[in-house]
Protein backbone atom coordinates (compact mmCIF):
# COMPACT_ATOMS: atom_id res chain seq x y z
CA UNK A 1 -110.25 -35.50 -43.60
CA UNK A 2 -108.91 -38.58 -45.38
CA UNK A 3 -105.26 -38.16 -46.33
CA UNK A 4 -104.59 -37.00 -49.88
CA UNK A 5 -100.96 -36.42 -50.85
CA UNK A 6 -100.07 -32.84 -51.80
CA UNK A 7 -96.89 -30.99 -52.68
CA UNK A 8 -95.42 -28.53 -50.20
CA UNK A 9 -97.23 -25.20 -50.11
CA UNK A 10 -94.26 -22.97 -50.99
CA UNK A 11 -92.57 -24.82 -53.87
CA UNK A 12 -92.13 -27.97 -55.88
CA UNK A 13 -92.37 -31.50 -54.62
CA UNK A 14 -91.84 -32.97 -51.18
CA UNK A 15 -90.53 -31.34 -48.03
CA UNK A 16 -86.93 -32.32 -47.38
CA UNK A 17 -86.04 -32.86 -51.05
CA UNK A 18 -83.73 -30.19 -52.46
CA UNK A 19 -81.32 -29.43 -55.27
CA UNK A 20 -77.75 -29.64 -53.95
CA UNK A 21 -74.72 -28.16 -55.68
CA UNK A 22 -71.95 -28.73 -53.13
CA UNK A 23 -71.23 -32.13 -54.74
CA UNK A 24 -71.25 -30.66 -58.26
CA UNK A 25 -67.94 -28.78 -58.56
CA UNK A 26 -68.63 -27.29 -61.99
CA UNK A 27 -72.09 -25.92 -61.18
CA UNK A 28 -71.28 -22.72 -59.24
CA UNK A 29 -68.68 -21.60 -61.83
CA UNK A 30 -71.20 -22.33 -64.59
CA UNK A 31 -73.88 -20.15 -62.90
CA UNK A 32 -71.36 -17.36 -62.34
CA UNK A 33 -70.39 -17.40 -66.01
CA UNK A 34 -73.94 -17.77 -67.35
CA UNK A 35 -75.85 -15.44 -65.01
CA UNK A 36 -73.15 -13.49 -63.13
CA UNK A 37 -74.62 -14.84 -59.89
CA UNK A 38 -72.49 -15.98 -56.95
CA UNK A 39 -74.24 -18.95 -55.39
CA UNK A 40 -74.71 -19.10 -51.62
CA UNK A 41 -75.22 -22.26 -49.58
CA UNK A 42 -78.89 -23.03 -49.05
CA UNK A 43 -80.21 -20.81 -46.24
CA UNK A 44 -83.22 -22.86 -45.18
CA UNK A 45 -84.84 -26.22 -45.74
CA UNK A 46 -88.42 -25.01 -45.59
CA UNK A 47 -90.62 -21.92 -45.15
CA UNK A 48 -92.68 -21.74 -41.97
CA UNK A 49 -96.33 -21.46 -42.87
CA UNK A 50 -96.90 -19.42 -39.70
CA UNK A 51 -95.04 -16.52 -41.38
CA UNK A 52 -97.82 -15.90 -43.93
CA UNK A 53 -101.25 -14.38 -43.60
CA UNK A 54 -104.08 -16.08 -45.47
CA UNK A 55 -107.30 -14.26 -46.43
CA UNK A 56 -110.28 -15.54 -44.48
CA UNK A 57 -112.66 -17.96 -46.15
CA UNK A 58 -115.84 -16.38 -47.55
CA UNK A 59 -117.76 -19.66 -47.45
CA UNK A 60 -121.04 -19.35 -45.57
CA UNK A 61 -122.01 -21.94 -42.98
CA UNK A 62 -125.02 -23.07 -45.00
CA UNK A 63 -122.79 -23.79 -48.02
CA UNK A 64 -120.33 -25.75 -45.90
CA UNK A 65 -123.19 -27.77 -44.51
CA UNK A 66 -124.41 -28.51 -48.03
CA UNK A 67 -120.95 -29.54 -49.25
CA UNK A 68 -120.34 -31.64 -46.17
CA UNK A 69 -123.66 -33.38 -46.71
CA UNK A 70 -122.45 -34.44 -50.16
CA UNK A 71 -118.96 -35.74 -49.36
CA UNK A 72 -119.09 -36.13 -45.60
CA UNK A 73 -117.70 -33.29 -43.48
CA UNK A 74 -114.40 -35.14 -43.09
CA UNK A 75 -113.76 -34.58 -46.81
CA UNK A 76 -114.22 -30.83 -46.66
CA UNK A 77 -111.65 -28.40 -45.28
CA UNK A 78 -111.10 -24.70 -44.62
CA UNK A 79 -107.54 -25.35 -43.42
CA UNK A 80 -105.42 -22.34 -44.41
CA UNK A 81 -102.40 -24.31 -45.54
CA UNK A 82 -104.50 -26.60 -47.73
CA UNK A 83 -106.30 -23.59 -49.19
CA UNK A 84 -102.90 -22.16 -50.14
CA UNK A 85 -101.78 -25.50 -51.61
CA UNK A 86 -104.88 -25.25 -53.83
CA UNK A 87 -104.75 -21.55 -54.66
CA UNK A 88 -102.38 -21.81 -57.62
CA UNK A 89 -100.00 -24.00 -59.56
CA UNK A 90 -96.21 -23.86 -59.77
CA UNK A 91 -95.51 -21.22 -62.40
CA UNK A 92 -92.80 -18.68 -61.60
CA UNK A 93 -95.44 -15.97 -61.24
CA UNK A 94 -97.38 -18.06 -58.73
CA UNK A 95 -94.26 -19.11 -56.80
CA UNK A 96 -93.17 -15.48 -56.47
CA UNK A 97 -96.60 -14.50 -55.15
CA UNK A 98 -96.78 -17.50 -52.80
CA UNK A 99 -93.33 -16.94 -51.30
CA UNK A 100 -94.18 -13.26 -50.78
CA UNK A 101 -97.49 -14.14 -49.15
CA UNK A 102 -99.40 -12.16 -51.77
CA UNK A 103 -102.62 -14.15 -52.01
CA UNK A 104 -105.07 -11.95 -53.86
CA UNK A 105 -107.81 -14.58 -53.95
CA UNK A 106 -107.69 -18.13 -52.64
CA UNK A 107 -110.29 -20.90 -52.63
CA UNK A 108 -112.75 -20.51 -49.78
CA UNK A 109 -113.06 -24.27 -49.29
CA UNK A 110 -111.42 -27.45 -50.55
CA UNK A 111 -113.65 -30.46 -51.11
CA UNK A 112 -112.59 -34.05 -51.85
CA UNK A 113 -115.34 -36.03 -53.61
CA UNK A 114 -114.99 -39.79 -53.61
CA UNK A 115 -117.45 -40.70 -56.36
CA UNK A 116 -118.73 -39.38 -59.66
CA UNK A 117 -122.15 -38.85 -58.09
CA UNK A 118 -120.60 -36.58 -55.47
CA UNK A 119 -118.88 -34.56 -58.21
CA UNK A 120 -122.24 -34.20 -60.00
CA UNK A 121 -123.98 -33.01 -56.85
CA UNK A 122 -121.23 -30.45 -56.18
CA UNK A 123 -121.56 -29.05 -59.71
CA UNK A 124 -125.32 -28.79 -59.42
CA UNK A 125 -124.83 -26.98 -56.10
CA UNK A 126 -122.37 -24.62 -57.81
CA UNK A 127 -125.02 -23.56 -60.31
CA UNK A 128 -127.72 -23.25 -57.64
CA UNK A 129 -125.53 -21.19 -55.27
CA UNK A 130 -123.58 -19.28 -57.99
CA UNK A 131 -120.20 -20.69 -56.96
CA UNK A 132 -116.90 -20.94 -58.82
CA UNK A 133 -115.49 -24.47 -59.03
CA UNK A 134 -111.84 -25.09 -59.96
CA UNK A 135 -110.88 -28.76 -60.50
CA UNK A 136 -107.57 -29.73 -58.89
CA UNK A 137 -105.35 -32.71 -59.72
CA UNK A 138 -101.77 -32.44 -58.50
CA UNK A 139 -101.25 -28.68 -58.64
CA UNK A 140 -98.29 -28.86 -61.03
CA UNK A 141 -99.59 -26.43 -63.68
CA UNK A 142 -97.06 -23.83 -64.82
CA UNK A 143 -99.48 -21.98 -67.10
CA UNK A 144 -101.62 -20.53 -64.27
CA UNK A 145 -104.51 -22.89 -65.04
CA UNK A 146 -105.56 -22.98 -61.37
CA UNK A 147 -105.16 -19.39 -60.21
CA UNK A 148 -108.52 -17.66 -59.48
CA UNK A 149 -109.37 -14.23 -60.81
CA UNK A 150 -108.30 -11.82 -58.02
CA UNK A 151 -111.49 -9.83 -58.66
CA UNK A 152 -113.77 -12.85 -58.13
CA UNK A 153 -116.44 -12.00 -55.52
CA UNK A 154 -118.27 -15.33 -55.58
CA UNK A 155 -117.36 -18.21 -53.27
CA UNK A 156 -114.60 -20.36 -54.78
CA UNK A 157 -114.47 -24.11 -54.22
CA UNK A 158 -111.40 -26.16 -55.11
CA UNK A 159 -112.56 -29.61 -56.17
CA UNK A 160 -109.69 -32.01 -55.43
CA UNK A 161 -110.05 -35.40 -57.15
CA UNK A 162 -107.30 -37.08 -55.11
CA UNK A 163 -109.63 -39.69 -53.58
CA UNK A 164 -110.65 -40.92 -57.03
CA UNK A 165 -107.39 -42.72 -57.72
CA UNK A 166 -108.00 -46.29 -58.87
CA UNK A 167 -107.39 -48.35 -61.99
CA UNK A 168 -110.93 -49.69 -62.31
CA UNK A 169 -110.50 -52.26 -65.07
CA UNK A 170 -108.03 -53.57 -67.62
CA UNK A 171 -109.06 -55.00 -70.98
CA UNK A 172 -105.93 -56.97 -71.87
CA UNK A 173 -107.32 -58.05 -75.24
CA UNK A 174 -107.82 -54.45 -76.39
CA UNK A 175 -104.97 -52.83 -74.45
CA UNK A 176 -107.37 -50.45 -72.71
CA UNK A 177 -107.60 -49.48 -69.04
CA UNK A 178 -110.36 -47.56 -67.28
CA UNK A 179 -108.83 -45.27 -64.66
CA UNK A 180 -110.14 -42.59 -62.30
CA UNK A 181 -108.97 -39.08 -63.09
CA UNK A 182 -107.47 -38.20 -59.70
CA UNK A 183 -104.75 -40.85 -59.69
CA UNK A 184 -101.17 -39.59 -59.42
CA UNK A 185 -98.71 -40.84 -62.01
CA UNK A 186 -96.67 -43.12 -59.70
CA UNK A 187 -99.78 -44.62 -58.09
CA UNK A 188 -101.29 -45.39 -61.48
CA UNK A 189 -98.09 -46.98 -62.79
CA UNK A 190 -97.78 -49.09 -59.64
CA UNK A 191 -101.28 -50.47 -60.18
CA UNK A 192 -100.68 -51.13 -63.88
CA UNK A 193 -97.15 -52.51 -63.44
CA UNK A 194 -98.43 -55.04 -60.91
CA UNK A 195 -100.34 -56.61 -63.80
CA UNK A 196 -97.50 -56.23 -66.31
CA UNK A 197 -98.75 -53.07 -68.04
CA UNK A 198 -97.83 -49.39 -68.38
CA UNK A 199 -99.44 -46.21 -69.69
CA UNK A 200 -96.02 -45.02 -70.86
CA UNK A 201 -96.84 -41.36 -70.17
CA UNK A 202 -94.07 -39.63 -68.21
CA UNK A 203 -94.17 -35.82 -68.20
CA UNK A 204 -91.57 -33.94 -66.12
CA UNK A 205 -94.29 -33.46 -63.50
CA UNK A 206 -95.06 -37.20 -63.41
CA UNK A 207 -94.44 -37.77 -59.69
CA UNK A 208 -96.96 -35.09 -58.63
CA UNK A 209 -99.49 -34.79 -61.46
CA UNK A 210 -102.64 -36.76 -62.30
CA UNK A 211 -104.14 -38.54 -65.27
CA UNK A 212 -107.09 -36.13 -65.31
CA UNK A 213 -104.75 -33.16 -65.19
CA UNK A 214 -102.79 -34.52 -68.13
CA UNK A 215 -105.97 -34.77 -70.19
CA UNK A 216 -107.27 -31.37 -69.10
CA UNK A 217 -104.08 -29.63 -70.29
CA UNK A 218 -103.15 -31.74 -73.36
CA UNK A 219 -99.99 -33.08 -71.76
CA UNK A 220 -97.11 -34.79 -73.50
CA UNK A 221 -94.85 -37.30 -71.79
CA UNK A 222 -91.16 -37.62 -72.52
CA UNK A 223 -91.87 -41.02 -74.13
CA UNK A 224 -94.42 -39.70 -76.62
CA UNK A 225 -92.41 -40.94 -79.61
CA UNK A 226 -93.59 -44.46 -78.76
CA UNK A 227 -96.72 -44.03 -76.64
CA UNK A 228 -98.15 -40.80 -78.08
CA UNK A 229 -99.29 -37.57 -76.47
CA UNK A 230 -102.17 -37.75 -73.99
CA UNK A 231 -104.59 -36.91 -76.81
CA UNK A 232 -103.46 -40.11 -78.55
CA UNK A 233 -103.59 -42.16 -75.34
CA UNK A 234 -107.08 -41.15 -74.17
CA UNK A 235 -109.74 -43.01 -76.14
CA UNK A 236 -112.80 -42.52 -73.96
CA UNK A 237 -113.79 -40.47 -70.94
CA UNK A 238 -116.54 -39.35 -68.59
CA UNK A 239 -117.08 -35.64 -67.96
CA UNK A 240 -119.50 -34.52 -65.29
CA UNK A 241 -121.55 -31.40 -66.00
CA UNK A 242 -124.42 -29.85 -64.00
CA UNK A 243 -127.02 -31.28 -66.38
CA UNK A 244 -125.56 -34.75 -66.75
CA UNK A 245 -122.46 -36.72 -67.69
CA UNK A 246 -120.79 -36.81 -71.10
CA UNK A 247 -119.88 -40.45 -71.79
CA UNK A 248 -117.48 -41.21 -74.63
CA UNK A 249 -116.83 -44.91 -75.12
CA UNK A 250 -113.29 -46.16 -75.89
CA UNK A 251 -113.75 -46.92 -79.56
CA UNK A 252 -110.74 -47.18 -81.89
CA UNK A 253 -112.13 -44.54 -84.28
CA UNK A 254 -115.44 -42.89 -85.06
CA UNK A 255 -117.07 -40.65 -87.65
CA UNK A 256 -119.67 -39.02 -85.44
CA UNK A 257 -119.37 -35.30 -86.04
CA UNK A 258 -116.85 -32.94 -84.44
CA UNK A 259 -114.74 -34.81 -81.90
CA UNK A 260 -116.08 -34.31 -78.40
CA UNK A 261 -113.03 -36.14 -77.10
CA UNK A 262 -110.71 -33.60 -78.73
CA UNK A 263 -112.93 -30.77 -77.51
CA UNK A 264 -112.65 -31.92 -73.89
CA UNK A 265 -108.92 -32.75 -73.91
CA UNK A 266 -107.18 -29.46 -73.15
CA UNK A 267 -110.34 -27.72 -71.87
CA UNK A 268 -108.81 -27.05 -68.40
CA UNK A 269 -112.04 -27.63 -66.50
CA UNK A 270 -114.15 -25.15 -68.46
CA UNK A 271 -116.51 -27.77 -69.87
CA UNK A 272 -116.94 -29.83 -66.73
CA UNK A 273 -114.96 -32.21 -64.52
CA UNK A 274 -113.21 -35.23 -66.01
CA UNK A 275 -113.78 -38.11 -63.59
CA UNK A 276 -112.74 -41.21 -65.53
CA UNK A 277 -110.68 -42.05 -68.60
CA UNK A 278 -110.25 -45.01 -70.91
CA UNK A 279 -106.64 -45.11 -72.05
CA UNK A 280 -104.27 -47.10 -74.20
CA UNK A 281 -101.93 -49.28 -72.13
CA UNK A 282 -98.98 -51.41 -73.19
CA UNK A 283 -97.17 -54.48 -71.94
CA UNK A 284 -94.05 -53.63 -69.96
CA UNK A 285 -91.02 -53.94 -72.19
CA UNK A 286 -88.68 -56.87 -71.70
CA UNK A 287 -85.64 -54.61 -72.00
CA UNK A 288 -85.05 -50.85 -71.85
CA UNK A 289 -81.90 -48.96 -72.67
CA UNK A 290 -81.04 -45.26 -73.06
CA UNK A 291 -78.02 -44.51 -75.24
CA UNK A 292 -76.21 -41.16 -75.31
CA UNK A 293 -74.58 -39.60 -78.37
CA UNK A 294 -72.50 -36.47 -78.85
CA UNK A 295 -72.84 -34.35 -82.00
CA UNK A 296 -70.38 -31.73 -83.29
CA UNK A 297 -73.15 -29.16 -83.88
CA UNK A 298 -76.82 -28.45 -83.24
CA UNK A 299 -77.69 -28.50 -86.93
CA UNK A 300 -76.16 -31.95 -87.44
CA UNK A 301 -78.04 -33.20 -84.38
CA UNK A 302 -81.38 -31.90 -85.71
CA UNK A 303 -80.80 -33.60 -89.07
CA UNK A 304 -80.11 -36.86 -87.26
CA UNK A 305 -83.23 -36.56 -85.10
CA UNK A 306 -85.34 -35.96 -88.19
CA UNK A 307 -83.79 -38.94 -89.94
CA UNK A 308 -84.45 -41.16 -86.91
CA UNK A 309 -88.11 -40.07 -86.91
CA UNK A 310 -88.38 -40.75 -90.65
CA UNK A 311 -86.51 -44.05 -90.57
CA UNK A 312 -89.39 -46.00 -89.06
CA UNK A 313 -87.17 -47.39 -86.29
CA UNK A 314 -89.16 -47.59 -83.06
CA UNK A 315 -87.69 -45.34 -80.36
CA UNK A 316 -89.34 -44.57 -77.02
CA UNK A 317 -87.86 -41.09 -77.06
CA UNK A 318 -85.19 -39.21 -78.97
CA UNK A 319 -84.05 -35.84 -77.64
CA UNK A 320 -81.05 -33.63 -78.21
CA UNK A 321 -79.78 -30.71 -76.14
CA UNK A 322 -78.32 -27.66 -77.85
CA UNK A 323 -74.82 -26.47 -76.94
CA UNK A 324 -76.00 -24.30 -74.05
CA UNK A 325 -78.09 -27.08 -72.49
CA UNK A 326 -75.25 -29.56 -73.02
CA UNK A 327 -72.90 -27.25 -71.10
CA UNK A 328 -75.48 -26.96 -68.33
CA UNK A 329 -75.92 -30.74 -68.14
CA UNK A 330 -72.18 -31.28 -67.86
CA UNK A 331 -72.02 -28.71 -65.05
CA UNK A 332 -74.44 -30.75 -62.93
CA UNK A 333 -72.28 -33.86 -62.86
CA UNK A 334 -71.19 -34.98 -59.41
CA UNK A 335 -67.53 -35.23 -58.50
CA UNK A 336 -66.38 -38.86 -58.87
CA UNK A 337 -66.28 -40.46 -55.42
CA UNK A 338 -65.52 -44.10 -56.19
CA UNK A 339 -62.77 -45.77 -58.17
CA UNK A 340 -65.30 -46.87 -60.81
CA UNK A 341 -66.55 -43.30 -61.22
CA UNK A 342 -63.00 -41.93 -61.32
CA UNK A 343 -62.16 -44.37 -64.09
CA UNK A 344 -65.34 -43.26 -65.88
CA UNK A 345 -64.21 -39.63 -65.54
CA UNK A 346 -60.87 -40.57 -67.10
CA UNK A 347 -62.83 -42.12 -69.93
CA UNK A 348 -64.57 -38.78 -70.45
CA UNK A 349 -61.19 -37.07 -70.64
CA UNK A 350 -60.20 -39.51 -73.39
CA UNK A 351 -63.47 -38.73 -75.19
CA UNK A 352 -62.78 -35.01 -74.99
CA UNK A 353 -59.34 -35.58 -76.49
CA UNK A 354 -60.92 -37.51 -79.39
CA UNK A 355 -63.26 -34.59 -80.05
CA UNK A 356 -60.41 -32.09 -80.06
CA UNK A 357 -58.41 -34.24 -82.48
CA UNK A 358 -61.41 -34.32 -84.79
CA UNK A 359 -61.45 -30.54 -84.75
CA UNK A 360 -64.69 -30.18 -82.78
CA UNK A 361 -65.54 -26.91 -81.14
CA UNK A 362 -66.37 -28.23 -77.67
CA UNK A 363 -68.49 -25.12 -77.05
CA UNK A 364 -70.78 -26.19 -79.92
CA UNK A 365 -71.21 -29.89 -79.18
CA UNK A 366 -74.66 -31.25 -78.37
CA UNK A 367 -75.60 -34.33 -76.34
CA UNK A 368 -78.52 -36.54 -77.37
CA UNK A 369 -80.37 -39.39 -75.69
CA UNK A 370 -82.36 -42.12 -77.45
CA UNK A 371 -84.40 -44.71 -75.55
CA UNK A 372 -85.05 -48.18 -76.93
CA UNK A 373 -87.55 -50.72 -75.57
CA UNK A 374 -88.42 -54.25 -76.62
CA UNK A 375 -86.74 -57.63 -76.62
CA UNK A 376 -82.97 -57.57 -76.29
CA UNK A 377 -82.64 -58.55 -79.94
CA UNK A 378 -84.99 -55.77 -81.06
CA UNK A 379 -83.17 -53.20 -78.94
CA UNK A 380 -79.79 -54.23 -80.37
CA UNK A 381 -81.11 -54.06 -83.93
CA UNK A 382 -82.59 -50.58 -83.39
CA UNK A 383 -79.42 -49.34 -81.69
CA UNK A 384 -77.41 -50.37 -84.76
CA UNK A 385 -79.80 -48.55 -87.09
CA UNK A 386 -79.68 -45.36 -85.03
CA UNK A 387 -75.88 -45.57 -84.69
CA UNK A 388 -75.64 -45.63 -88.47
CA UNK A 389 -77.87 -42.55 -88.76
CA UNK A 390 -76.07 -40.46 -86.13
CA UNK A 391 -72.57 -41.36 -87.37
CA UNK A 392 -73.47 -39.96 -90.79
CA UNK A 393 -73.88 -36.63 -88.96
CA UNK A 394 -70.51 -36.95 -87.25
CA UNK A 395 -71.77 -38.13 -83.85
CA UNK A 396 -69.90 -40.20 -81.32
CA UNK A 397 -71.74 -42.98 -79.48
CA UNK A 398 -71.25 -42.41 -75.74
CA UNK A 399 -73.10 -45.55 -74.69
CA UNK A 400 -75.50 -46.51 -71.92
CA UNK A 401 -73.72 -44.97 -68.91
CA UNK A 402 -74.73 -41.32 -69.45
CA UNK A 403 -78.13 -42.48 -70.69
CA UNK A 404 -78.85 -44.44 -67.52
CA UNK A 405 -77.91 -41.41 -65.41
CA UNK A 406 -80.29 -39.21 -67.42
CA UNK A 407 -83.09 -41.76 -67.01
CA UNK A 408 -82.60 -41.84 -63.22
CA UNK A 409 -82.62 -38.05 -62.77
CA UNK A 410 -85.32 -37.07 -65.27
CA UNK A 411 -87.91 -35.97 -62.67
CA UNK A 412 -85.51 -33.97 -60.45
CA UNK A 413 -85.11 -30.79 -62.52
CA UNK A 414 -88.12 -28.83 -61.12
CA UNK A 415 -86.44 -28.71 -57.70
CA UNK A 416 -83.78 -26.47 -59.26
CA UNK A 417 -86.31 -23.62 -59.62
CA UNK A 418 -86.85 -23.46 -55.85
CA UNK A 419 -83.10 -23.39 -55.25
CA UNK A 420 -82.62 -20.58 -57.77
CA UNK A 421 -85.47 -18.52 -56.33
CA UNK A 422 -83.72 -18.62 -52.97
CA UNK A 423 -80.67 -17.25 -54.83
CA UNK A 424 -82.87 -14.38 -56.08
CA UNK A 425 -82.66 -15.91 -59.54
CA UNK A 426 -85.31 -17.00 -62.01
CA UNK A 427 -85.11 -20.33 -63.79
CA UNK A 428 -88.10 -21.08 -65.99
CA UNK A 429 -89.22 -22.94 -69.09
CA UNK A 430 -91.31 -22.38 -72.19
CA UNK A 431 -91.93 -24.75 -75.08
CA UNK A 432 -93.22 -24.75 -78.62
CA UNK A 433 -93.59 -27.05 -81.62
CA UNK A 434 -92.83 -26.27 -85.24
CA UNK A 435 -92.32 -28.03 -88.59
CA UNK A 436 -88.89 -29.55 -89.22
CA UNK A 437 -88.22 -26.87 -91.82
CA UNK A 438 -88.67 -24.13 -89.22
CA UNK A 439 -86.97 -25.59 -86.15
CA UNK A 440 -83.64 -23.84 -86.78
CA UNK A 441 -85.40 -20.55 -87.46
CA UNK A 442 -87.53 -20.81 -84.32
CA UNK A 443 -84.51 -21.76 -82.22
CA UNK A 444 -82.49 -18.75 -83.37
CA UNK A 445 -85.47 -16.38 -83.13
CA UNK A 446 -86.07 -17.32 -79.50
CA UNK A 447 -82.39 -16.90 -78.63
CA UNK A 448 -82.39 -13.46 -80.26
CA UNK A 449 -85.63 -12.40 -78.58
CA UNK A 450 -84.49 -13.55 -75.14
CA UNK A 451 -81.10 -11.86 -75.49
CA UNK A 452 -82.81 -8.65 -76.62
CA UNK A 453 -85.06 -8.74 -73.57
CA UNK A 454 -82.10 -9.42 -71.26
CA UNK A 455 -80.12 -6.56 -72.80
CA UNK A 456 -83.04 -4.12 -72.62
CA UNK A 457 -83.19 -4.66 -68.87
CA UNK A 458 -79.45 -4.64 -68.30
CA UNK A 459 -79.36 -8.33 -67.32
CA UNK A 460 -76.92 -11.15 -67.82
CA UNK A 461 -79.29 -13.86 -68.94
CA UNK A 462 -79.04 -17.44 -70.14
CA UNK A 463 -81.18 -19.50 -72.47
CA UNK A 464 -80.88 -23.10 -73.57
CA UNK A 465 -83.02 -25.63 -75.40
CA UNK A 466 -83.60 -29.22 -76.33
CA UNK A 467 -85.57 -30.86 -79.13
CA UNK A 468 -87.91 -33.74 -78.26
CA UNK A 469 -91.34 -35.22 -79.14
CA UNK A 470 -90.78 -36.00 -82.81
CA UNK A 471 -93.68 -36.13 -85.26
CA UNK A 472 -93.98 -36.70 -88.99
CA UNK A 473 -93.99 -32.96 -89.68
CA UNK A 474 -91.87 -31.54 -86.87
CA UNK A 475 -90.93 -31.58 -83.22
CA UNK A 476 -91.02 -29.75 -79.91
CA UNK A 477 -88.40 -27.21 -78.82
CA UNK A 478 -88.23 -26.83 -75.05
CA UNK A 479 -86.45 -23.71 -73.76
CA UNK A 480 -85.10 -22.97 -70.30
CA UNK A 481 -84.06 -19.43 -69.39
CA UNK A 482 -82.60 -17.74 -66.34
CA UNK A 483 -81.58 -14.36 -64.96
CA UNK A 484 -81.09 -12.57 -61.65
CA UNK A 485 -84.16 -10.83 -60.24
CA UNK A 486 -84.28 -7.07 -59.94
CA UNK A 487 -86.57 -4.56 -58.27
CA UNK A 488 -89.62 -5.39 -60.42
CA UNK A 489 -89.79 -9.21 -60.52
CA UNK A 490 -93.19 -9.49 -62.18
CA UNK A 491 -92.53 -6.75 -64.73
CA UNK A 492 -89.15 -8.21 -65.72
CA UNK A 493 -90.61 -11.67 -66.06
CA UNK A 494 -93.49 -10.43 -68.22
CA UNK A 495 -91.06 -8.77 -70.63
CA UNK A 496 -88.69 -11.74 -70.93
CA UNK A 497 -91.30 -14.51 -71.04
CA UNK A 498 -93.41 -12.37 -73.39
CA UNK A 499 -90.50 -11.91 -75.78
CA UNK A 500 -89.97 -15.67 -75.93
CA UNK A 501 -93.65 -16.41 -76.48
CA UNK A 502 -93.93 -13.81 -79.21
CA UNK A 503 -90.87 -15.23 -80.94
CA UNK A 504 -92.59 -18.63 -81.03
CA UNK A 505 -95.52 -17.18 -82.94
CA UNK A 506 -93.51 -14.88 -85.20
CA UNK A 507 -91.13 -17.65 -86.27
CA UNK A 508 -93.89 -20.16 -87.06
CA UNK A 509 -94.29 -22.16 -83.83
CA UNK A 510 -97.18 -22.65 -81.42
CA UNK A 511 -97.58 -20.80 -78.13
CA UNK A 512 -97.47 -24.07 -76.15
CA UNK A 513 -96.72 -27.66 -77.04
CA UNK A 514 -97.75 -29.34 -73.77
CA UNK A 515 -98.01 -26.90 -70.86
CA UNK A 516 -101.53 -25.76 -71.71
CA UNK A 517 -102.84 -22.21 -71.85
CA UNK A 518 -104.34 -21.13 -68.51
CA UNK A 519 -103.88 -17.42 -67.91
CA UNK A 520 -100.16 -17.44 -68.75
CA UNK A 521 -100.47 -18.05 -72.48
CA UNK A 522 -103.94 -16.75 -73.30
CA UNK A 523 -102.68 -13.37 -74.65
CA UNK A 524 -101.27 -15.23 -77.68
CA UNK A 525 -104.32 -17.35 -78.45
CA UNK A 526 -105.68 -15.15 -81.25
CA UNK A 527 -102.31 -15.21 -83.00
CA UNK A 528 -102.08 -18.98 -82.59
CA UNK A 529 -105.58 -20.17 -83.56
CA UNK A 530 -106.90 -17.00 -85.28
CA UNK A 531 -109.41 -14.43 -83.93
CA UNK A 532 -112.31 -16.45 -85.34
CA UNK A 533 -110.95 -19.55 -83.64
CA UNK A 534 -110.90 -17.75 -80.30
CA UNK A 535 -114.44 -16.53 -80.88
CA UNK A 536 -115.52 -20.11 -81.54
CA UNK A 537 -113.94 -21.18 -78.24
CA UNK A 538 -115.66 -18.30 -76.40
CA UNK A 539 -118.97 -19.36 -77.88
CA UNK A 540 -118.37 -22.96 -76.80
CA UNK A 541 -117.51 -22.01 -73.21
CA UNK A 542 -120.41 -19.54 -72.97
CA UNK A 543 -122.91 -22.13 -74.20
CA UNK A 544 -121.52 -24.91 -72.01
CA UNK A 545 -121.24 -22.74 -68.90
CA UNK A 546 -123.50 -19.68 -69.21
CA UNK A 547 -123.07 -18.82 -65.53
CA UNK A 548 -119.25 -18.85 -65.80
CA UNK A 549 -118.95 -21.26 -62.87
CA UNK A 550 -116.20 -23.62 -63.99
CA UNK A 551 -112.59 -22.36 -63.90
CA UNK A 552 -113.61 -19.09 -65.53
CA UNK A 553 -111.16 -17.02 -67.55
CA UNK A 554 -108.79 -19.82 -68.52
CA UNK A 555 -107.67 -20.36 -72.13
CA UNK A 556 -109.68 -17.40 -73.46
CA UNK A 557 -111.06 -14.57 -71.35
């Protein structure tokens, strides 16, 4: 089989890459205080695949012959480890099951088409043979958008688009690129950057997720303030279905009935397989700078973020961590090893003294990061405007040093979940979006709900949040929570995650801003889009896929 890059089977990212805390002197004390957990040194670097038992493939020889005839037998596999790589995403629920070797139902075969015609032939075969087909990009989903129904009796085929990974064309006049859906984020950016362009879409999962996966789950990248969410970026696409291919041309705007583009973005494979996308691209910026600011309180920081969004100043991103997340971020700093870093640490001590003299409660302070791109003159002008806005809310400008460090480490956080699981501790995330007028209410409601769930189960838990992805009407709140596992890991998680999700809805937010729905969030769909809205979705999926062949059960049952 031709090589297609995959994450390790048992956790996030690449083998040999880990979260380390030995060089972060404040981290273990922070975890002890926040979660009452005593950290142990890492026990192992990997998990031996030979220790797990994988259910046998149910694929019949005649089906394998038919699939192999479409893609070539070298692009079809029944390899147990690859079947496990493709059996689920990277949600906490799925990681717990994977590490325990509890594979209720895994794909019976993994197939790697290389062309759109091969995808079409596979889908027609799925209808003829009554198969289940689950499209696979990078496997980074944390909403259980890949996990098969454990009761599924039909043969399941994982359709991995990893061979379809090229930037096909670039219209520099229009700022549009045509790109195959299976391309991983870094590979796509490398191809675009070589010609002086960028998509500008950088979700936390960027290094291991695909363009098609972003579209299928309505992704947002951390730079959405400038470049937009994926729904703004995607202007045209091709979606293969058993009866033909939906072709939407990359037009700037249309008035041609309900938006098929919007219908397909976020559909998680239920309407067909996205094979190609036409997307907005932008010239690489001449200069890029991330500036850090420290605010006395969360409320002052939110006011500043809203004013930045309303000011019209162009920022690539503007995010602020609440007091809990700020404390966490400070705990992950490495001990200064060089003279330059020791001098920088002394500078931080001076900064802390300034805050104390101003009467700040250092347990309430909140760190923010704002990214600027453009010519050096434009960046300097925008920095001055933002400095004026944040200073009106009492903020101190920390400068580019902390901002550069944040920019370098922005894709490393998911590795922390694997480390915590080895410590018998959950670390997970959940996000929402709400109007500016409700952000404070949603924030407090989620804190209260999480603490109530922790208390009800006798746990010392921790929750923290940041605000990002600003819009005219509101913004995203992204929560991270943690606690030590007990005797009923799945039951505990359902209670705590469920309390957070319900608080989103009750306080006026959405069930998910950019992680999609999958199986994880579908219980809240009726509350989010109304019972009639769910019925409309059910009708759409039933009409588009009457045999229930394509990623069945996701979004709405």
